[in-house]
Protein backbone atom coordinates (compact mmCIF):
# COMPACT_ATOMS: atom_id res chain seq x y z
CA UNK A 1 70.16 93.56 85.11
CA UNK A 2 73.52 94.43 86.67
CA UNK A 3 73.85 94.77 90.42
CA UNK A 4 74.66 98.28 91.60
CA UNK A 5 77.00 96.90 94.28
CA UNK A 6 80.79 96.91 93.90
CA UNK A 7 81.89 93.29 94.12
CA UNK A 8 85.47 92.45 94.97
CA UNK A 9 85.74 89.59 92.48
CA UNK A 10 84.38 91.75 89.64
CA UNK A 11 86.17 95.03 90.42
CA UNK A 12 89.25 96.86 89.33
CA UNK A 13 90.35 100.27 90.58
CA UNK A 14 91.66 103.03 88.33
CA UNK A 15 93.45 106.03 89.86
CA UNK A 16 93.41 108.73 87.19
CA UNK A 17 96.06 111.45 86.86
CA UNK A 18 96.74 112.42 90.49
CA UNK A 19 99.93 114.16 89.41
CA UNK A 20 102.22 116.73 90.97
CA UNK A 21 101.45 119.73 88.75
CA UNK A 22 97.73 118.98 88.53
CA UNK A 23 97.55 118.74 92.32
CA UNK A 24 99.15 122.19 92.62
CA UNK A 25 96.15 123.66 90.75
CA UNK A 26 93.57 122.20 93.17
CA UNK A 27 92.05 123.77 96.28
CA UNK A 28 94.29 122.45 99.11
CA UNK A 29 91.68 121.17 101.60
CA UNK A 30 89.60 119.50 98.87
CA UNK A 31 92.78 117.96 97.45
CA UNK A 32 93.80 116.61 100.87
CA UNK A 33 90.43 114.83 101.23
CA UNK A 34 90.64 113.35 97.73
CA UNK A 35 94.23 112.14 98.25
CA UNK A 36 93.19 110.56 101.58
CA UNK A 37 90.22 108.79 99.97
CA UNK A 38 92.25 107.64 96.97
CA UNK A 39 94.76 106.24 99.47
CA UNK A 40 92.02 104.35 101.32
CA UNK A 41 90.74 102.88 98.05
CA UNK A 42 94.26 101.94 96.99
CA UNK A 43 95.14 100.27 100.30
CA UNK A 44 91.82 98.41 100.42
CA UNK A 45 92.29 97.21 96.83
CA UNK A 46 95.76 95.92 97.67
CA UNK A 47 94.53 94.14 100.82
CA UNK A 48 91.68 92.53 98.89
CA UNK A 49 93.77 91.69 95.80
CA UNK A 50 91.74 93.93 93.51
CA UNK A 51 93.68 94.95 90.38
CA UNK A 52 94.75 98.60 90.24
CA UNK A 53 95.72 100.75 87.25
CA UNK A 54 97.28 104.22 87.47
CA UNK A 55 97.27 106.74 84.66
CA UNK A 56 99.30 109.89 84.12
CA UNK A 57 98.22 112.63 81.71
CA UNK A 58 101.26 113.83 79.75
CA UNK A 59 103.75 113.08 82.57
CA UNK A 60 106.58 114.97 80.83
CA UNK A 61 104.65 118.18 81.47
CA UNK A 62 102.47 117.39 84.49
CA UNK A 63 104.87 115.24 86.48
CA UNK A 64 104.46 111.82 88.04
CA UNK A 65 101.68 110.57 90.30
CA UNK A 66 102.14 112.00 93.79
CA UNK A 67 104.26 109.82 96.05
CA UNK A 68 101.39 108.83 98.40
CA UNK A 69 99.49 107.19 95.53
CA UNK A 70 102.26 106.05 93.23
CA UNK A 71 101.80 102.53 91.96
CA UNK A 72 103.66 100.26 89.64
CA UNK A 73 103.85 100.90 85.90
CA UNK A 74 101.76 104.04 85.50
CA UNK A 75 100.15 104.30 82.08
CA UNK A 76 101.17 107.51 80.32
CA UNK A 77 98.50 109.05 78.13
CA UNK A 78 97.66 112.14 76.15
CA UNK A 79 94.01 111.24 75.48
CA UNK A 80 91.61 112.55 78.10
CA UNK A 81 89.68 109.26 78.20
CA UNK A 82 91.84 106.47 79.59
CA UNK A 83 89.94 104.09 77.31
CA UNK A 84 91.44 105.83 74.26
CA UNK A 85 94.96 104.87 75.37
CA UNK A 86 95.94 101.47 73.88
CA UNK A 87 98.19 100.61 76.86
CA UNK A 88 95.25 101.18 79.23
CA UNK A 89 92.89 99.08 77.14
CA UNK A 90 95.50 96.30 77.02
CA UNK A 91 95.93 96.24 80.82
CA UNK A 92 92.23 96.49 81.70
CA UNK A 93 91.12 93.11 83.03
CA UNK A 94 88.47 91.55 80.79
CA UNK A 95 87.29 89.26 83.62
CA UNK A 96 86.49 92.22 85.87
CA UNK A 97 83.62 94.25 84.39
CA UNK A 98 83.26 96.71 87.27
CA UNK A 99 85.55 99.72 87.03
CA UNK A 100 85.93 102.02 90.03
CA UNK A 101 87.31 105.45 89.09
CA UNK A 102 89.02 107.99 91.35
CA UNK A 103 91.32 110.92 90.64
CA UNK A 104 91.23 114.04 88.53
CA UNK A 105 89.80 115.98 86.89
CA UNK A 106 86.17 114.96 87.39
CA UNK A 107 84.82 116.98 84.46
CA UNK A 108 87.50 115.94 81.97
CA UNK A 109 89.36 112.64 82.30
CA UNK A 110 87.03 110.99 84.84
CA UNK A 111 83.90 111.99 82.89
CA UNK A 112 85.21 110.96 79.48
CA UNK A 113 86.70 107.70 80.79
CA UNK A 114 83.51 106.75 82.67
CA UNK A 115 81.24 107.42 79.71
CA UNK A 116 83.48 105.59 77.27
CA UNK A 117 83.95 102.55 79.52
CA UNK A 118 80.20 102.42 80.08
CA UNK A 119 79.75 102.52 76.31
CA UNK A 120 82.09 99.53 76.07
CA UNK A 121 79.80 97.55 78.39
CA UNK A 122 81.65 98.07 81.69
CA UNK A 123 79.81 98.89 84.89
CA UNK A 124 81.38 102.12 86.11
CA UNK A 125 81.50 103.46 89.66
CA UNK A 126 82.79 107.01 90.20
CA UNK A 127 83.84 107.69 93.78
CA UNK A 128 82.44 111.15 94.50
CA UNK A 129 84.68 111.92 97.50
CA UNK A 130 87.78 110.66 95.64
CA UNK A 131 87.47 112.85 92.53
CA UNK A 132 88.23 116.55 92.14
CA UNK A 133 88.23 119.39 89.63
CA UNK A 134 89.88 122.79 89.85
CA UNK A 135 86.41 124.30 90.23
CA UNK A 136 83.77 122.58 92.35
CA UNK A 137 81.01 123.64 89.93
CA UNK A 138 82.74 121.62 87.19
CA UNK A 139 82.92 118.58 89.48
CA UNK A 140 79.25 118.88 90.39
CA UNK A 141 78.28 119.21 86.72
CA UNK A 142 80.31 116.11 85.85
CA UNK A 143 78.70 114.08 88.65
CA UNK A 144 75.23 115.17 87.51
CA UNK A 145 76.03 114.18 83.92
CA UNK A 146 77.39 110.81 85.06
CA UNK A 147 74.31 110.07 87.17
CA UNK A 148 72.06 111.03 84.25
CA UNK A 149 74.02 108.67 82.00
CA UNK A 150 73.55 105.78 84.45
CA UNK A 151 77.05 105.70 85.93
CA UNK A 152 76.97 104.81 89.63
CA UNK A 153 78.21 107.69 91.77
CA UNK A 154 79.28 106.38 95.15
CA UNK A 155 81.69 107.16 98.00
CA UNK A 156 84.87 105.68 99.43
CA UNK A 157 83.34 103.94 102.43
CA UNK A 158 80.53 102.40 100.40
CA UNK A 159 83.03 100.97 97.93
CA UNK A 160 85.42 99.46 100.46
CA UNK A 161 82.66 97.95 102.60
CA UNK A 162 80.93 96.55 99.51
CA UNK A 163 84.26 94.99 98.53
CA UNK A 164 84.56 93.53 102.06
CA UNK A 165 80.96 92.30 102.22
CA UNK A 166 81.29 91.05 105.83
CA UNK A 167 82.53 92.50 109.13
CA UNK A 168 85.15 89.87 109.87
CA UNK A 169 88.75 88.95 109.25
CA UNK A 170 92.05 90.80 109.05
CA UNK A 171 91.13 92.82 105.96
CA UNK A 172 88.01 94.13 107.73
CA UNK A 173 90.08 95.17 110.76
CA UNK A 174 92.69 96.93 108.62
CA UNK A 175 90.16 98.70 106.42
CA UNK A 176 88.09 99.76 109.43
CA UNK A 177 91.18 101.53 110.78
CA UNK A 178 91.70 103.31 107.45
CA UNK A 179 88.24 104.88 107.44
CA UNK A 180 88.20 106.08 111.05
């Protein structure tokens, strides 16, 4: 049986479609919280040397990832599930079976990606306070479906402290400052 704990050496982080024009369609205060939490996950992953992938849904029409979360070599896609994009599948680390998902929209790209990755044998964690939909009811429905399907729904602080495992060292000090 798989552990339900995010482990640094097994994890990779995927930031899904946090793009300029999609962000404009979101409720501003909810968006601000999601962007903050995605930023915490991204910084923690970098500090702990956890691989990160970024995707962009049809960037020609929806724009690039917002500046605060922009990474290297975003993967452009038109499929809603990241797993249906060959470039994503090629860059997903085979030696890291735990996939942590954050971004938008919870009821479309996050949901389809999580279910498909789980079907491919990955252990999927969806970070509840780092995903968003235009309508909160759609987000809540997606989270309920994911839980029912056996995907682990978690939160930003749980993930980063599970990655850390112990309260010591420079990474702990830096991450502790991020979550204050």
